[in-house]
Amino acid sequence: MSADLVPPRERECVQCGRREAWDEDVATWTVDGETIGEVYCVHEWDINGEYSPFR
């Protein structure tokens, strides 16, 4: 029995509202939409204990 790893595809900073989405083409997070957030924010992403990366 093996588990499939399912990483998040979107995330949002709970401090400044920056939204990012995973871009498969460049294999990195990119800004999603027009909310780029604060330059000096230490981003706290909205991924918490409720998120399960395994199926």
N, C-alpha and C. Protein backbone atom coordinates (compact mmCIF):
# COMPACT_ATOMS: atom_id res chain seq x y z
N MET A 1 0.84 -1.17 0.00
CA MET A 1 0.00 0.00 0.00
C MET A 1 0.89 1.24 0.00
N SER A 2 0.75 2.08 -0.99
CA SER A 2 1.56 3.30 -1.06
C SER A 2 0.66 4.53 -1.02
N ALA A 3 1.19 5.60 -0.49
CA ALA A 3 0.44 6.86 -0.41
C ALA A 3 0.88 7.79 -1.53
N ASP A 4 -0.06 8.49 -2.11
CA ASP A 4 0.25 9.48 -3.15
C ASP A 4 0.42 10.85 -2.50
N LEU A 5 1.54 11.51 -2.78
CA LEU A 5 1.80 12.85 -2.27
C LEU A 5 1.08 13.85 -3.16
N VAL A 6 0.24 14.69 -2.55
CA VAL A 6 -0.53 15.70 -3.28
C VAL A 6 -0.17 17.07 -2.71
N PRO A 7 0.81 17.75 -3.33
CA PRO A 7 1.21 19.07 -2.81
C PRO A 7 0.14 20.12 -3.09
N PRO A 8 0.15 21.21 -2.34
CA PRO A 8 -0.83 22.27 -2.58
C PRO A 8 -0.57 22.94 -3.93
N ARG A 9 -1.61 23.43 -4.58
CA ARG A 9 -1.49 24.13 -5.86
C ARG A 9 -1.67 25.63 -5.71
N GLU A 10 -2.26 26.05 -4.59
CA GLU A 10 -2.49 27.47 -4.32
C GLU A 10 -2.19 27.73 -2.85
N ARG A 11 -1.78 28.96 -2.55
CA ARG A 11 -1.58 29.35 -1.17
C ARG A 11 -1.78 30.85 -1.03
N GLU A 12 -2.13 31.27 0.18
CA GLU A 12 -2.37 32.69 0.45
C GLU A 12 -1.76 33.05 1.79
N CYS A 13 -1.06 34.17 1.84
CA CYS A 13 -0.45 34.64 3.08
C CYS A 13 -1.54 35.20 3.98
N VAL A 14 -1.59 34.72 5.23
CA VAL A 14 -2.61 35.21 6.16
C VAL A 14 -2.25 36.58 6.72
N GLN A 15 -1.01 37.05 6.52
CA GLN A 15 -0.58 38.35 7.01
C GLN A 15 -0.89 39.48 6.02
N CYS A 16 -0.48 39.30 4.75
CA CYS A 16 -0.59 40.41 3.78
C CYS A 16 -1.52 40.11 2.60
N GLY A 17 -2.03 38.88 2.49
CA GLY A 17 -2.97 38.55 1.43
C GLY A 17 -2.36 38.14 0.10
N ARG A 18 -1.02 38.03 0.03
CA ARG A 18 -0.39 37.59 -1.22
C ARG A 18 -0.90 36.21 -1.59
N ARG A 19 -1.30 36.05 -2.87
CA ARG A 19 -1.76 34.76 -3.37
C ARG A 19 -0.76 34.24 -4.40
N GLU A 20 -0.42 32.97 -4.28
CA GLU A 20 0.48 32.33 -5.22
C GLU A 20 -0.11 31.02 -5.70
N ALA A 21 0.29 30.62 -6.89
CA ALA A 21 -0.13 29.33 -7.47
C ALA A 21 1.12 28.62 -7.98
N TRP A 22 1.10 27.30 -7.93
CA TRP A 22 2.23 26.51 -8.40
C TRP A 22 2.22 26.49 -9.93
N ASP A 23 3.36 26.82 -10.54
CA ASP A 23 3.49 26.83 -12.00
C ASP A 23 4.35 25.64 -12.42
N GLU A 24 3.73 24.66 -13.03
CA GLU A 24 4.44 23.44 -13.47
C GLU A 24 5.53 23.74 -14.49
N ASP A 25 5.31 24.73 -15.36
CA ASP A 25 6.27 25.03 -16.42
C ASP A 25 7.63 25.47 -15.89
N VAL A 26 7.63 26.25 -14.82
CA VAL A 26 8.89 26.75 -14.25
C VAL A 26 9.22 26.11 -12.91
N ALA A 27 8.35 25.21 -12.45
CA ALA A 27 8.54 24.46 -11.20
C ALA A 27 8.79 25.37 -10.00
N THR A 28 7.93 26.40 -9.86
CA THR A 28 8.03 27.30 -8.72
C THR A 28 6.70 27.99 -8.48
N TRP A 29 6.60 28.69 -7.36
CA TRP A 29 5.40 29.45 -7.03
C TRP A 29 5.44 30.78 -7.78
N THR A 30 4.30 31.21 -8.32
CA THR A 30 4.19 32.50 -9.00
C THR A 30 3.00 33.26 -8.42
N VAL A 31 3.07 34.59 -8.50
CA VAL A 31 1.98 35.43 -7.98
C VAL A 31 0.72 35.15 -8.79
N ASP A 32 -0.36 34.91 -8.07
CA ASP A 32 -1.64 34.58 -8.68
C ASP A 32 -2.58 35.76 -8.52
N GLY A 33 -2.86 36.47 -9.57
CA GLY A 33 -3.73 37.63 -9.49
C GLY A 33 -2.94 38.91 -9.29
N GLU A 34 -3.60 39.91 -8.76
CA GLU A 34 -2.97 41.21 -8.62
C GLU A 34 -2.53 41.52 -7.19
N THR A 35 -2.84 40.64 -6.25
CA THR A 35 -2.44 40.86 -4.87
C THR A 35 -1.03 40.33 -4.65
N ILE A 36 -0.04 41.23 -4.71
CA ILE A 36 1.34 40.78 -4.55
C ILE A 36 1.81 40.82 -3.11
N GLY A 37 1.04 41.46 -2.23
CA GLY A 37 1.38 41.48 -0.82
C GLY A 37 2.40 42.54 -0.47
N GLU A 38 2.97 42.41 0.72
CA GLU A 38 3.95 43.36 1.22
C GLU A 38 5.36 42.86 0.96
N VAL A 39 6.25 43.77 0.58
CA VAL A 39 7.63 43.41 0.26
C VAL A 39 8.35 42.80 1.46
N TYR A 40 8.15 43.35 2.66
CA TYR A 40 8.88 42.91 3.83
C TYR A 40 8.11 41.92 4.71
N CYS A 41 7.06 41.36 4.18
CA CYS A 41 6.27 40.38 4.94
C CYS A 41 7.01 39.04 5.01
N VAL A 42 7.04 38.45 6.20
CA VAL A 42 7.51 37.08 6.34
C VAL A 42 6.24 36.23 6.19
N HIS A 43 6.01 35.75 4.98
CA HIS A 43 4.74 35.13 4.63
C HIS A 43 4.40 33.94 5.51
N GLU A 44 3.18 33.95 6.00
CA GLU A 44 2.63 32.84 6.76
C GLU A 44 1.50 32.27 5.91
N TRP A 45 1.78 31.14 5.25
CA TRP A 45 0.85 30.57 4.30
C TRP A 45 -0.31 29.90 5.00
N ASP A 46 -1.45 29.88 4.35
CA ASP A 46 -2.69 29.36 4.91
C ASP A 46 -2.79 27.84 4.90
N ILE A 47 -1.66 27.16 4.81
CA ILE A 47 -1.65 25.70 4.86
C ILE A 47 -1.47 25.33 6.33
N ASN A 48 -2.43 24.62 6.88
CA ASN A 48 -2.41 24.35 8.31
C ASN A 48 -2.58 22.85 8.58
N GLY A 49 -2.88 22.52 9.80
CA GLY A 49 -3.03 21.12 10.21
C GLY A 49 -4.19 20.41 9.54
N GLU A 50 -5.11 21.13 8.94
CA GLU A 50 -6.24 20.50 8.25
C GLU A 50 -5.84 19.98 6.87
N TYR A 51 -4.76 20.52 6.30
CA TYR A 51 -4.31 20.10 4.98
C TYR A 51 -3.58 18.77 5.08
N SER A 52 -3.95 17.83 4.27
CA SER A 52 -3.29 16.52 4.25
C SER A 52 -2.64 16.32 2.89
N PRO A 53 -1.30 16.27 2.84
CA PRO A 53 -0.61 16.11 1.56
C PRO A 53 -0.62 14.68 1.02
N PHE A 54 -1.19 13.74 1.75
CA PHE A 54 -1.22 12.36 1.30
C PHE A 54 -2.64 11.87 1.10
N ARG A 55 -2.82 11.07 0.06
CA ARG A 55 -4.12 10.41 -0.18
C ARG A 55 -4.03 8.98 0.21
